[in-house]
Structure formats: structure tokens, C-alpha cells
Amino acid sequence: MSMAVTGPEIERLIALMSKLPGLGPRSARRAVLQLIKKKETLLSPLADAMAEAAAKARICSACGNVDTQDPCAICADTTRDPHVLCVVEEVGDLWALERAGAHKGRYHVLGGVLSALDGVGPDDLNIGRLVERLGAGEITEVVLAMNATVDGQTTAHYITDRVSGLGISVTRLAHGVPVGGELDYLDDGTLAAAMKSRRPF
């Protein structure tokens, strides 16, 4: 059994850092060492920012986004189109679409996808609130921005079935050749989806 080479406070920081996505024990140890080397300019401001975020972070009661206010800045923005609702799996997907400037309407975060293998059913997701929002009558289009996975598409089909009869247009993100993509480097599924989703030029 290897012995700790630092005090328990630093070992605890390394252990917590190693739980972050993309950071294993070695990467966490390097990151912590760098933070400690730059204690005044990096570690202390980071600790302050994390404490403030922990105290102020909220889940938006309207859409499920993470912000420091409720409703979140997106839901509170009166310049956004209130008639188009983009449904995403996780908050990270919402942030990605915002970073790209790809959507000017409102959002709804499901908090995951349906998965029989993982025991995730409709009641485990934010689907009831989605149906409630759609039933209010203001939304005319739902954009299903699900990942192109079996569980993502299963969730999209389930939502489509739930909202049928409400008179709301249901669309989904296009699948196929990415901007700048070369056909020779794409996988078979992407090529098949691109061919199936072809449109007039």
C-alpha cells in the first residue's frame, strides 16, 4: 500500500478532483499541484468562485437549466421566441446550442434519456413538466435535440407520442455530414442518415 506524500487536506482535494469528467488520479494530482504552485493567482480565486457558485447555483423551475437565478437568464429573456421550444437531454446540451448561437427560442432540459437497461423511465425524467408546458398553448413547435443514440431516439419517439394531438409541430435536428466533413472519414451510420435526410440543393 502506497503512503500519502501530502497532508489529508491536499489528498482530499486530489480525490475530489479525480471525480471530475476527464480527470483520473494522475491528472487530478497534476492539476492540484499546478493550483498550489499558483495559489494566489489560481487556487484562492478558484476556491472563492466555487464557494460562490455553490451558494448561488439554482435549477430553473421553468426549463431545468442551471443558473444563479430562477427563472434562468434564458427563460427571463423577453427577446427570445416563446413559440419554439428546444428539448435537450442535459444542461450541457443546452449550453452547447447556446455557444453555437443555434437556437433563439426557449429550452426544456429532460435530465437524461429513457433507458430500460439503466431503469430510467418517463417518471424519472422532466417529461411531465414538458407536457404541462406544451399544454399551456403558447408553444407551436418542439425541436427534439436528442443525441443520435438508441436511447436518445427512443426518448424522442416517446415524446412525439405524448404530444401528438396537441397541434404542435414536432421537428428534430438533422443528422448527417458535418460542416467541413469528408465522406471518406465518416462512419456508415452517419452516411446513411445523410443520404436519408437529403434535401433540394
N, C-alpha and C. Protein backbone atom coordinates (compact mmCIF):
# COMPACT_ATOMS: atom_id res chain seq x y z
N MET A 1 0.84 -1.19 0.00
CA MET A 1 0.00 0.00 0.00
C MET A 1 0.89 1.25 0.00
N SER A 2 0.61 2.17 -0.95
CA SER A 2 1.43 3.37 -1.03
C SER A 2 1.02 4.36 0.04
N MET A 3 2.00 5.09 0.54
CA MET A 3 1.74 6.07 1.59
C MET A 3 1.45 7.43 0.97
N ALA A 4 0.62 8.22 1.65
CA ALA A 4 0.33 9.56 1.18
C ALA A 4 1.57 10.42 1.31
N VAL A 5 1.84 11.22 0.29
CA VAL A 5 3.03 12.08 0.31
C VAL A 5 2.67 13.51 0.68
N THR A 6 1.38 13.77 0.90
CA THR A 6 0.93 15.11 1.30
C THR A 6 -0.05 14.97 2.45
N GLY A 7 -0.43 16.11 3.00
CA GLY A 7 -1.38 16.12 4.11
C GLY A 7 -2.77 15.73 3.66
N PRO A 8 -3.66 15.42 4.61
CA PRO A 8 -5.01 14.96 4.28
C PRO A 8 -5.84 15.98 3.51
N GLU A 9 -5.58 17.27 3.72
CA GLU A 9 -6.35 18.30 3.00
C GLU A 9 -6.06 18.26 1.50
N ILE A 10 -4.79 18.10 1.16
CA ILE A 10 -4.41 18.05 -0.25
C ILE A 10 -4.85 16.72 -0.86
N GLU A 11 -4.73 15.63 -0.11
CA GLU A 11 -5.19 14.33 -0.61
C GLU A 11 -6.69 14.34 -0.88
N ARG A 12 -7.43 15.03 -0.01
CA ARG A 12 -8.88 15.14 -0.21
C ARG A 12 -9.19 15.94 -1.48
N LEU A 13 -8.44 17.01 -1.70
CA LEU A 13 -8.62 17.82 -2.91
C LEU A 13 -8.33 16.99 -4.15
N ILE A 14 -7.27 16.20 -4.12
CA ILE A 14 -6.92 15.34 -5.26
C ILE A 14 -8.04 14.32 -5.50
N ALA A 15 -8.53 13.71 -4.41
CA ALA A 15 -9.59 12.70 -4.54
C ALA A 15 -10.85 13.30 -5.15
N LEU A 16 -11.20 14.52 -4.72
CA LEU A 16 -12.39 15.17 -5.27
C LEU A 16 -12.19 15.56 -6.73
N MET A 17 -11.02 16.10 -7.05
CA MET A 17 -10.72 16.48 -8.43
C MET A 17 -10.75 15.28 -9.37
N SER A 18 -10.32 14.13 -8.88
CA SER A 18 -10.26 12.93 -9.73
C SER A 18 -11.65 12.42 -10.10
N LYS A 19 -12.69 12.93 -9.43
CA LYS A 19 -14.07 12.53 -9.75
C LYS A 19 -14.66 13.34 -10.90
N LEU A 20 -13.95 14.39 -11.31
CA LEU A 20 -14.43 15.21 -12.42
C LEU A 20 -14.25 14.49 -13.75
N PRO A 21 -15.15 14.72 -14.72
CA PRO A 21 -15.01 14.08 -16.03
C PRO A 21 -13.68 14.42 -16.68
N GLY A 22 -13.01 13.43 -17.20
CA GLY A 22 -11.74 13.65 -17.90
C GLY A 22 -10.52 13.71 -17.00
N LEU A 23 -10.73 13.64 -15.70
CA LEU A 23 -9.60 13.69 -14.77
C LEU A 23 -9.53 12.38 -13.97
N GLY A 24 -8.45 11.64 -14.16
CA GLY A 24 -8.20 10.47 -13.33
C GLY A 24 -7.30 10.88 -12.18
N PRO A 25 -6.86 9.92 -11.37
CA PRO A 25 -6.00 10.25 -10.23
C PRO A 25 -4.72 10.99 -10.61
N ARG A 26 -4.06 10.57 -11.70
CA ARG A 26 -2.81 11.23 -12.10
C ARG A 26 -3.04 12.65 -12.58
N SER A 27 -4.06 12.82 -13.43
CA SER A 27 -4.38 14.16 -13.94
C SER A 27 -4.80 15.07 -12.80
N ALA A 28 -5.57 14.54 -11.85
CA ALA A 28 -6.01 15.33 -10.71
C ALA A 28 -4.82 15.77 -9.87
N ARG A 29 -3.86 14.88 -9.68
CA ARG A 29 -2.67 15.19 -8.89
C ARG A 29 -1.88 16.33 -9.57
N ARG A 30 -1.74 16.25 -10.90
CA ARG A 30 -1.03 17.30 -11.63
C ARG A 30 -1.78 18.64 -11.55
N ALA A 31 -3.11 18.57 -11.67
CA ALA A 31 -3.91 19.79 -11.61
C ALA A 31 -3.80 20.45 -10.24
N VAL A 32 -3.89 19.64 -9.19
CA VAL A 32 -3.79 20.17 -7.83
C VAL A 32 -2.41 20.77 -7.58
N LEU A 33 -1.37 20.11 -8.07
CA LEU A 33 -0.02 20.64 -7.91
C LEU A 33 0.11 22.00 -8.59
N GLN A 34 -0.48 22.12 -9.78
CA GLN A 34 -0.44 23.40 -10.50
C GLN A 34 -1.21 24.47 -9.74
N LEU A 35 -2.37 24.09 -9.18
CA LEU A 35 -3.16 25.04 -8.39
C LEU A 35 -2.38 25.55 -7.18
N ILE A 36 -1.70 24.63 -6.52
CA ILE A 36 -0.95 25.01 -5.32
C ILE A 36 0.26 25.88 -5.68
N LYS A 37 0.90 25.59 -6.81
CA LYS A 37 2.03 26.41 -7.26
C LYS A 37 1.59 27.85 -7.51
N LYS A 38 0.35 28.00 -7.99
CA LYS A 38 -0.18 29.33 -8.30
C LYS A 38 -1.32 29.66 -7.33
N LYS A 39 -1.01 29.52 -6.06
CA LYS A 39 -2.00 29.66 -5.00
C LYS A 39 -2.71 31.02 -5.04
N GLU A 40 -1.95 32.08 -5.15
CA GLU A 40 -2.54 33.42 -5.09
C GLU A 40 -3.33 33.78 -6.34
N THR A 41 -2.84 33.37 -7.49
CA THR A 41 -3.49 33.78 -8.74
C THR A 41 -4.50 32.77 -9.25
N LEU A 42 -4.47 31.53 -8.74
CA LEU A 42 -5.35 30.49 -9.27
C LEU A 42 -6.16 29.78 -8.19
N LEU A 43 -5.49 29.22 -7.20
CA LEU A 43 -6.18 28.41 -6.19
C LEU A 43 -7.16 29.23 -5.35
N SER A 44 -6.72 30.33 -4.82
CA SER A 44 -7.61 31.15 -3.97
C SER A 44 -8.80 31.72 -4.74
N PRO A 45 -8.57 32.31 -5.95
CA PRO A 45 -9.73 32.79 -6.71
C PRO A 45 -10.68 31.65 -7.12
N LEU A 46 -10.10 30.48 -7.43
CA LEU A 46 -10.94 29.33 -7.79
C LEU A 46 -11.79 28.89 -6.60
N ALA A 47 -11.18 28.83 -5.43
CA ALA A 47 -11.91 28.44 -4.22
C ALA A 47 -13.05 29.42 -3.94
N ASP A 48 -12.78 30.72 -4.11
CA ASP A 48 -13.81 31.73 -3.90
C ASP A 48 -14.95 31.58 -4.90
N ALA A 49 -14.58 31.36 -6.17
CA ALA A 49 -15.59 31.21 -7.23
C ALA A 49 -16.44 29.97 -7.00
N MET A 50 -15.81 28.89 -6.57
CA MET A 50 -16.55 27.66 -6.30
C MET A 50 -17.50 27.82 -5.11
N ALA A 51 -17.05 28.50 -4.08
CA ALA A 51 -17.91 28.74 -2.91
C ALA A 51 -19.11 29.59 -3.29
N GLU A 52 -18.86 30.61 -4.11
CA GLU A 52 -19.96 31.48 -4.54
C GLU A 52 -20.94 30.74 -5.43
N ALA A 53 -20.41 29.92 -6.36
CA ALA A 53 -21.27 29.14 -7.25
C ALA A 53 -22.10 28.14 -6.45
N ALA A 54 -21.47 27.50 -5.46
CA ALA A 54 -22.18 26.53 -4.63
C ALA A 54 -23.32 27.19 -3.86
N ALA A 55 -23.10 28.43 -3.43
CA ALA A 55 -24.12 29.14 -2.66
C ALA A 55 -25.26 29.66 -3.53
N LYS A 56 -24.95 30.01 -4.79
CA LYS A 56 -25.94 30.70 -5.63
C LYS A 56 -26.53 29.85 -6.74
N ALA A 57 -25.95 28.71 -7.07
CA ALA A 57 -26.44 27.90 -8.20
C ALA A 57 -27.86 27.41 -7.94
N ARG A 58 -28.71 27.52 -8.95
CA ARG A 58 -30.10 27.10 -8.87
C ARG A 58 -30.49 26.33 -10.13
N ILE A 59 -31.47 25.46 -9.98
CA ILE A 59 -32.06 24.80 -11.15
C ILE A 59 -33.30 25.60 -11.52
N CYS A 60 -33.38 26.01 -12.78
CA CYS A 60 -34.51 26.81 -13.24
C CYS A 60 -35.80 25.99 -13.14
N SER A 61 -36.80 26.55 -12.47
CA SER A 61 -38.06 25.83 -12.29
C SER A 61 -38.87 25.74 -13.58
N ALA A 62 -38.53 26.59 -14.56
CA ALA A 62 -39.25 26.57 -15.83
C ALA A 62 -38.68 25.55 -16.81
N CYS A 63 -37.34 25.58 -17.00
CA CYS A 63 -36.75 24.75 -18.06
C CYS A 63 -35.76 23.69 -17.57
N GLY A 64 -35.23 23.84 -16.35
CA GLY A 64 -34.25 22.87 -15.86
C GLY A 64 -32.81 23.26 -16.08
N ASN A 65 -32.57 24.46 -16.62
CA ASN A 65 -31.21 24.95 -16.82
C ASN A 65 -30.58 25.26 -15.46
N VAL A 66 -29.25 25.37 -15.43
CA VAL A 66 -28.54 25.75 -14.22
C VAL A 66 -28.12 27.20 -14.35
N ASP A 67 -28.45 27.99 -13.33
CA ASP A 67 -28.11 29.41 -13.33
C ASP A 67 -28.03 29.88 -11.88
N THR A 68 -27.81 31.16 -11.70
CA THR A 68 -27.81 31.71 -10.34
C THR A 68 -29.11 32.45 -10.06
N GLN A 69 -30.06 32.36 -10.97
CA GLN A 69 -31.36 32.98 -10.79
C GLN A 69 -32.45 32.02 -11.26
N ASP A 70 -33.66 32.20 -10.75
CA ASP A 70 -34.80 31.37 -11.12
C ASP A 70 -36.01 32.28 -11.32
N PRO A 71 -36.54 32.41 -12.55
CA PRO A 71 -36.15 31.67 -13.75
C PRO A 71 -34.78 32.09 -14.26
N CYS A 72 -34.18 31.19 -15.06
CA CYS A 72 -32.83 31.44 -15.56
C CYS A 72 -32.82 32.60 -16.55
N ALA A 73 -31.62 33.04 -16.92
CA ALA A 73 -31.47 34.19 -17.81
C ALA A 73 -32.13 33.95 -19.17
N ILE A 74 -32.11 32.70 -19.64
CA ILE A 74 -32.73 32.39 -20.94
C ILE A 74 -34.24 32.50 -20.85
N CYS A 75 -34.83 31.92 -19.81
CA CYS A 75 -36.29 31.98 -19.65
C CYS A 75 -36.76 33.41 -19.38
N ALA A 76 -35.91 34.22 -18.75
CA ALA A 76 -36.27 35.60 -18.43
C ALA A 76 -36.07 36.56 -19.60
N ASP A 77 -35.41 36.10 -20.66
CA ASP A 77 -35.10 36.94 -21.82
C ASP A 77 -36.34 37.12 -22.68
N THR A 78 -36.91 38.30 -22.69
CA THR A 78 -38.14 38.56 -23.43
C THR A 78 -37.93 38.67 -24.94
N THR A 79 -36.68 38.72 -25.39
CA THR A 79 -36.41 38.81 -26.84
C THR A 79 -36.41 37.44 -27.51
N ARG A 80 -36.44 36.36 -26.72
CA ARG A 80 -36.42 35.01 -27.30
C ARG A 80 -37.81 34.62 -27.79
N ASP A 81 -37.85 33.77 -28.81
CA ASP A 81 -39.12 33.33 -29.39
C ASP A 81 -39.82 32.37 -28.41
N PRO A 82 -40.97 32.75 -27.86
CA PRO A 82 -41.66 31.90 -26.89
C PRO A 82 -42.44 30.76 -27.53
N HIS A 83 -42.50 30.74 -28.86
CA HIS A 83 -43.31 29.73 -29.56
C HIS A 83 -42.51 28.48 -29.95
N VAL A 84 -41.18 28.55 -29.86
CA VAL A 84 -40.34 27.41 -30.24
C VAL A 84 -39.59 26.90 -29.01
N LEU A 85 -39.77 25.62 -28.71
CA LEU A 85 -39.17 25.01 -27.53
C LEU A 85 -38.21 23.90 -27.96
N CYS A 86 -36.96 24.03 -27.58
CA CYS A 86 -35.94 23.03 -27.91
C CYS A 86 -35.76 22.10 -26.71
N VAL A 87 -35.99 20.81 -26.91
CA VAL A 87 -35.88 19.82 -25.84
C VAL A 87 -34.51 19.15 -25.93
N VAL A 88 -33.76 19.19 -24.83
CA VAL A 88 -32.42 18.60 -24.78
C VAL A 88 -32.35 17.59 -23.64
N GLU A 89 -31.34 16.72 -23.72
CA GLU A 89 -31.17 15.70 -22.69
C GLU A 89 -30.61 16.29 -21.40
N GLU A 90 -29.53 17.05 -21.51
CA GLU A 90 -28.83 17.56 -20.33
C GLU A 90 -28.52 19.04 -20.48
N VAL A 91 -28.16 19.69 -19.39
CA VAL A 91 -27.81 21.11 -19.39
C VAL A 91 -26.63 21.37 -20.32
N GLY A 92 -25.66 20.45 -20.37
CA GLY A 92 -24.51 20.61 -21.26
C GLY A 92 -24.92 20.75 -22.72
N ASP A 93 -26.00 20.07 -23.12
CA ASP A 93 -26.51 20.18 -24.49
C ASP A 93 -27.08 21.58 -24.74
N LEU A 94 -27.79 22.10 -23.76
CA LEU A 94 -28.34 23.46 -23.85
C LEU A 94 -27.19 24.45 -24.01
N TRP A 95 -26.17 24.31 -23.17
CA TRP A 95 -25.03 25.23 -23.23
C TRP A 95 -24.33 25.14 -24.58
N ALA A 96 -24.25 23.95 -25.16
CA ALA A 96 -23.60 23.77 -26.46
C ALA A 96 -24.37 24.51 -27.56
N LEU A 97 -25.70 24.39 -27.53
CA LEU A 97 -26.52 25.07 -28.53
C LEU A 97 -26.43 26.59 -28.37
N GLU A 98 -26.38 27.05 -27.13
CA GLU A 98 -26.24 28.48 -26.88
C GLU A 98 -24.87 28.99 -27.35
N ARG A 99 -23.84 28.19 -27.10
CA ARG A 99 -22.48 28.57 -27.52
C ARG A 99 -22.43 28.73 -29.04
N ALA A 100 -23.18 27.88 -29.74
CA ALA A 100 -23.19 27.95 -31.20
C ALA A 100 -24.14 29.02 -31.72
N GLY A 101 -24.95 29.60 -30.85
CA GLY A 101 -25.94 30.59 -31.29
C GLY A 101 -26.97 29.98 -32.20
N ALA A 102 -27.25 28.69 -32.00
CA ALA A 102 -28.07 27.94 -32.95
C ALA A 102 -29.57 28.01 -32.68
N HIS A 103 -29.98 28.48 -31.50
CA HIS A 103 -31.41 28.47 -31.16
C HIS A 103 -31.77 29.78 -30.48
N LYS A 104 -32.85 30.39 -30.93
CA LYS A 104 -33.27 31.69 -30.38
C LYS A 104 -34.59 31.58 -29.63
N GLY A 105 -35.05 30.36 -29.39
CA GLY A 105 -36.28 30.17 -28.64
C GLY A 105 -35.99 29.80 -27.20
N ARG A 106 -36.88 29.00 -26.63
CA ARG A 106 -36.72 28.56 -25.24
C ARG A 106 -36.29 27.10 -25.20
N TYR A 107 -35.95 26.61 -24.01
CA TYR A 107 -35.44 25.25 -23.85
C TYR A 107 -36.25 24.46 -22.81
N HIS A 108 -36.04 23.15 -22.86
CA HIS A 108 -36.54 22.27 -21.80
C HIS A 108 -35.51 21.15 -21.62
N VAL A 109 -34.99 21.01 -20.41
CA VAL A 109 -33.98 20.00 -20.10
C VAL A 109 -34.67 18.79 -19.48
N LEU A 110 -34.49 17.62 -20.09
CA LEU A 110 -35.13 16.40 -19.60
C LEU A 110 -34.42 15.81 -18.37
N GLY A 111 -33.11 15.99 -18.31
CA GLY A 111 -32.35 15.40 -17.21
C GLY A 111 -31.92 13.97 -17.49
N GLY A 112 -31.84 13.61 -18.78
CA GLY A 112 -31.41 12.27 -19.18
C GLY A 112 -32.26 11.74 -20.31
N VAL A 113 -32.19 10.42 -20.51
CA VAL A 113 -32.97 9.76 -21.56
C VAL A 113 -33.60 8.50 -21.00
N LEU A 114 -34.63 8.02 -21.67
CA LEU A 114 -35.24 6.76 -21.29
C LEU A 114 -34.25 5.64 -21.54
N SER A 115 -34.12 4.74 -20.59
CA SER A 115 -33.18 3.63 -20.74
C SER A 115 -33.67 2.44 -19.92
N ALA A 116 -34.12 1.41 -20.63
CA ALA A 116 -34.60 0.20 -19.96
C ALA A 116 -33.45 -0.48 -19.21
N LEU A 117 -32.26 -0.46 -19.81
CA LEU A 117 -31.10 -1.11 -19.18
C LEU A 117 -30.73 -0.45 -17.86
N ASP A 118 -30.83 0.88 -17.80
CA ASP A 118 -30.47 1.62 -16.58
C ASP A 118 -31.66 1.84 -15.66
N GLY A 119 -32.82 1.35 -16.06
CA GLY A 119 -34.01 1.51 -15.23
C GLY A 119 -34.54 2.93 -15.19
N VAL A 120 -34.32 3.71 -16.26
CA VAL A 120 -34.81 5.09 -16.32
C VAL A 120 -36.10 5.13 -17.13
N GLY A 121 -37.19 5.47 -16.46
CA GLY A 121 -38.49 5.55 -17.11
C GLY A 121 -38.96 6.99 -17.23
N PRO A 122 -40.14 7.21 -17.82
CA PRO A 122 -40.66 8.56 -18.02
C PRO A 122 -40.79 9.37 -16.73
N ASP A 123 -41.12 8.70 -15.62
CA ASP A 123 -41.28 9.40 -14.36
C ASP A 123 -39.96 9.88 -13.76
N ASP A 124 -38.84 9.34 -14.27
CA ASP A 124 -37.52 9.73 -13.78
C ASP A 124 -36.99 10.96 -14.50
N LEU A 125 -37.69 11.35 -15.57
CA LEU A 125 -37.25 12.50 -16.37
C LEU A 125 -38.24 13.65 -16.23
N ASN A 126 -37.87 14.80 -16.77
CA ASN A 126 -38.68 16.01 -16.68
C ASN A 126 -39.70 16.06 -17.82
N ILE A 127 -40.34 14.91 -18.10
CA ILE A 127 -41.28 14.83 -19.22
C ILE A 127 -42.66 15.37 -18.82
N GLY A 128 -43.09 15.11 -17.59
CA GLY A 128 -44.38 15.62 -17.13
C GLY A 128 -44.46 17.13 -17.21
N ARG A 129 -43.38 17.80 -16.79
CA ARG A 129 -43.33 19.27 -16.86
C ARG A 129 -43.34 19.73 -18.31
N LEU A 130 -42.69 18.97 -19.20
CA LEU A 130 -42.69 19.31 -20.63
C LEU A 130 -44.11 19.29 -21.18
N VAL A 131 -44.85 18.22 -20.91
CA VAL A 131 -46.22 18.11 -21.40
C VAL A 131 -47.08 19.24 -20.83
N GLU A 132 -46.83 19.59 -19.59
CA GLU A 132 -47.55 20.69 -18.94
C GLU A 132 -47.28 22.01 -19.66
N ARG A 133 -46.02 22.25 -20.01
CA ARG A 133 -45.66 23.49 -20.72
C ARG A 133 -46.30 23.53 -22.10
N LEU A 134 -46.32 22.38 -22.77
CA LEU A 134 -46.89 22.33 -24.11
C LEU A 134 -48.40 22.51 -24.08
N GLY A 135 -49.01 22.04 -23.02
CA GLY A 135 -50.47 22.16 -22.90
C GLY A 135 -50.94 23.58 -22.64
N ALA A 136 -50.02 24.47 -22.27
CA ALA A 136 -50.39 25.86 -21.99
C ALA A 136 -50.81 26.61 -23.24
N GLY A 137 -50.42 26.13 -24.41
CA GLY A 137 -50.90 26.70 -25.67
C GLY A 137 -50.02 27.71 -26.36
N GLU A 138 -48.96 28.18 -25.71
CA GLU A 138 -48.11 29.21 -26.33
C GLU A 138 -47.13 28.62 -27.34
N ILE A 139 -46.69 27.39 -27.14
CA ILE A 139 -45.66 26.77 -27.97
C ILE A 139 -46.29 26.14 -29.22
N THR A 140 -45.71 26.44 -30.37
CA THR A 140 -46.22 25.91 -31.64
C THR A 140 -45.27 24.89 -32.28
N GLU A 141 -43.99 24.90 -31.86
CA GLU A 141 -43.02 23.93 -32.40
C GLU A 141 -42.12 23.41 -31.29
N VAL A 142 -41.91 22.10 -31.31
CA VAL A 142 -40.97 21.46 -30.39
C VAL A 142 -39.83 20.90 -31.23
N VAL A 143 -38.61 21.31 -30.92
CA VAL A 143 -37.42 20.79 -31.60
C VAL A 143 -36.79 19.75 -30.67
N LEU A 144 -36.76 18.50 -31.11
CA LEU A 144 -36.17 17.44 -30.31
C LEU A 144 -34.68 17.35 -30.63
N ALA A 145 -33.86 17.87 -29.73
CA ALA A 145 -32.41 17.89 -29.92
C ALA A 145 -31.78 16.77 -29.09
N MET A 146 -32.18 15.55 -29.41
CA MET A 146 -31.68 14.37 -28.69
C MET A 146 -30.39 13.88 -29.37
N ASN A 147 -29.55 13.22 -28.58
CA ASN A 147 -28.36 12.61 -29.16
C ASN A 147 -28.77 11.48 -30.09
N ALA A 148 -27.94 11.22 -31.09
CA ALA A 148 -28.24 10.20 -32.09
C ALA A 148 -27.86 8.81 -31.57
N THR A 149 -28.40 8.46 -30.41
CA THR A 149 -28.18 7.15 -29.80
C THR A 149 -29.51 6.41 -29.76
N VAL A 150 -29.47 5.12 -29.47
CA VAL A 150 -30.71 4.35 -29.38
C VAL A 150 -31.62 4.94 -28.30
N ASP A 151 -31.05 5.23 -27.11
CA ASP A 151 -31.84 5.78 -26.02
C ASP A 151 -32.35 7.19 -26.35
N GLY A 152 -31.52 7.98 -27.02
CA GLY A 152 -31.94 9.32 -27.42
C GLY A 152 -33.10 9.30 -28.38
N GLN A 153 -33.04 8.41 -29.36
CA GLN A 153 -34.12 8.31 -30.34
C GLN A 153 -35.37 7.69 -29.74
N THR A 154 -35.20 6.75 -28.80
CA THR A 154 -36.35 6.17 -28.10
C THR A 154 -37.08 7.26 -27.31
N THR A 155 -36.31 8.11 -26.66
CA THR A 155 -36.89 9.22 -25.90
C THR A 155 -37.62 10.19 -26.82
N ALA A 156 -37.03 10.47 -27.97
CA ALA A 156 -37.66 11.37 -28.94
C ALA A 156 -38.99 10.81 -29.43
N HIS A 157 -39.03 9.51 -29.71
CA HIS A 157 -40.27 8.87 -30.16
C HIS A 157 -41.33 8.90 -29.07
N TYR A 158 -40.91 8.67 -27.83
CA TYR A 158 -41.85 8.69 -26.70
C TYR A 158 -42.47 10.08 -26.55
N ILE A 159 -41.64 11.12 -26.64
CA ILE A 159 -42.14 12.49 -26.52
C ILE A 159 -43.09 12.81 -27.66
N THR A 160 -42.73 12.38 -28.86
CA THR A 160 -43.59 12.62 -30.02
C THR A 160 -44.97 12.00 -29.80
N ASP A 161 -45.00 10.79 -29.27
CA ASP A 161 -46.28 10.14 -28.98
C ASP A 161 -47.08 10.89 -27.92
N ARG A 162 -46.37 11.38 -26.89
CA ARG A 162 -47.04 12.09 -25.79
C ARG A 162 -47.67 13.41 -26.24
N VAL A 163 -47.03 14.09 -27.21
CA VAL A 163 -47.54 15.41 -27.61
C VAL A 163 -48.43 15.36 -28.85
N SER A 164 -48.58 14.16 -29.43
CA SER A 164 -49.47 14.07 -30.59
C SER A 164 -50.89 14.42 -30.16
N GLY A 165 -51.57 15.16 -30.99
CA GLY A 165 -52.92 15.57 -30.65
C GLY A 165 -52.99 16.96 -30.04
N LEU A 166 -51.82 17.56 -29.74
CA LEU A 166 -51.81 18.91 -29.17
C LEU A 166 -51.73 19.98 -30.25
N GLY A 167 -51.60 19.56 -31.52
CA GLY A 167 -51.50 20.52 -32.61
C GLY A 167 -50.18 21.26 -32.65
N ILE A 168 -49.14 20.61 -32.13
CA ILE A 168 -47.81 21.22 -32.09
C ILE A 168 -46.90 20.53 -33.10
N SER A 169 -46.18 21.32 -33.89
CA SER A 169 -45.23 20.77 -34.85
C SER A 169 -44.02 20.20 -34.10
N VAL A 170 -43.66 18.95 -34.41
CA VAL A 170 -42.50 18.32 -33.78
C VAL A 170 -41.43 18.11 -34.83
N THR A 171 -40.24 18.70 -34.59
CA THR A 171 -39.12 18.55 -35.51
C THR A 171 -37.94 17.98 -34.75
N ARG A 172 -36.90 17.56 -35.48
CA ARG A 172 -35.69 17.06 -34.83
C ARG A 172 -34.48 17.63 -35.54
N LEU A 173 -33.35 17.55 -34.89
CA LEU A 173 -32.12 18.02 -35.51
C LEU A 173 -31.79 17.14 -36.72
N ALA A 174 -31.19 17.74 -37.74
CA ALA A 174 -30.77 16.98 -38.90
C ALA A 174 -29.58 16.09 -38.53
N HIS A 175 -29.52 14.94 -39.15
CA HIS A 175 -28.39 14.03 -38.96
C HIS A 175 -27.67 13.87 -40.28
N GLY A 176 -26.36 13.82 -40.25
CA GLY A 176 -25.65 13.60 -41.49
C GLY A 176 -24.26 14.17 -41.52
N VAL A 177 -23.85 14.63 -42.70
CA VAL A 177 -22.48 15.09 -42.92
C VAL A 177 -22.24 16.40 -42.18
N PRO A 178 -21.23 16.46 -41.30
CA PRO A 178 -20.95 17.71 -40.59
C PRO A 178 -20.30 18.73 -41.51
N VAL A 179 -20.40 20.00 -41.14
CA VAL A 179 -19.75 21.06 -41.93
C VAL A 179 -18.25 20.81 -41.94
N GLY A 180 -17.67 20.79 -43.12
CA GLY A 180 -16.24 20.53 -43.26
C GLY A 180 -15.88 19.06 -43.27
N GLY A 181 -16.89 18.18 -43.18
CA GLY A 181 -16.63 16.74 -43.13
C GLY A 181 -16.31 16.16 -44.50
N GLU A 182 -15.46 15.16 -44.53
CA GLU A 182 -15.13 14.46 -45.77
C GLU A 182 -15.75 13.07 -45.71
N LEU A 183 -16.44 12.69 -46.80
CA LEU A 183 -17.19 11.43 -46.82
C LEU A 183 -16.35 10.22 -46.46
N ASP A 184 -15.11 10.20 -46.92
CA ASP A 184 -14.25 9.04 -46.72
C ASP A 184 -13.97 8.77 -45.24
N TYR A 185 -14.09 9.80 -44.41
CA TYR A 185 -13.76 9.66 -42.99
C TYR A 185 -14.99 9.43 -42.10
N LEU A 186 -16.19 9.47 -42.68
CA LEU A 186 -17.41 9.33 -41.89
C LEU A 186 -17.79 7.87 -41.70
N ASP A 187 -18.46 7.59 -40.58
CA ASP A 187 -18.91 6.22 -40.32
C ASP A 187 -20.14 5.91 -41.15
N ASP A 188 -20.47 4.62 -41.27
CA ASP A 188 -21.57 4.17 -42.12
C ASP A 188 -22.91 4.73 -41.67
N GLY A 189 -23.14 4.80 -40.36
CA GLY A 189 -24.41 5.32 -39.85
C GLY A 189 -24.64 6.77 -40.21
N THR A 190 -23.58 7.58 -40.13
CA THR A 190 -23.68 8.99 -40.47
C THR A 190 -23.97 9.17 -41.96
N LEU A 191 -23.28 8.38 -42.79
CA LEU A 191 -23.51 8.45 -44.24
C LEU A 191 -24.93 8.04 -44.60
N ALA A 192 -25.43 6.98 -43.97
CA ALA A 192 -26.79 6.51 -44.24
C ALA A 192 -27.81 7.57 -43.82
N ALA A 193 -27.59 8.19 -42.65
CA ALA A 193 -28.50 9.24 -42.18
C ALA A 193 -28.48 10.45 -43.10
N ALA A 194 -27.29 10.80 -43.60
CA ALA A 194 -27.16 11.93 -44.51
C ALA A 194 -27.90 11.66 -45.82
N MET A 195 -27.78 10.46 -46.34
CA MET A 195 -28.45 10.12 -47.59
C MET A 195 -29.98 10.12 -47.41
N LYS A 196 -30.41 9.60 -46.27
CA LYS A 196 -31.85 9.54 -45.98
C LYS A 196 -32.44 10.93 -45.78
N SER A 197 -31.65 11.86 -45.23
CA SER A 197 -32.15 13.21 -44.93
C SER A 197 -31.79 14.23 -46.00
N ARG A 198 -31.49 13.75 -47.21
CA ARG A 198 -31.10 14.68 -48.27
C ARG A 198 -32.25 15.63 -48.60
N ARG A 199 -31.88 16.83 -49.14
CA ARG A 199 -32.86 17.84 -49.45
C ARG A 199 -32.48 18.57 -50.72
N PRO A 200 -33.39 19.34 -51.35
CA PRO A 200 -33.06 20.04 -52.58
C PRO A 200 -31.90 21.00 -52.40
N PHE A 201 -31.09 21.14 -53.44
CA PHE A 201 -29.89 21.98 -53.39
C PHE A 201 -30.23 23.36 -53.93
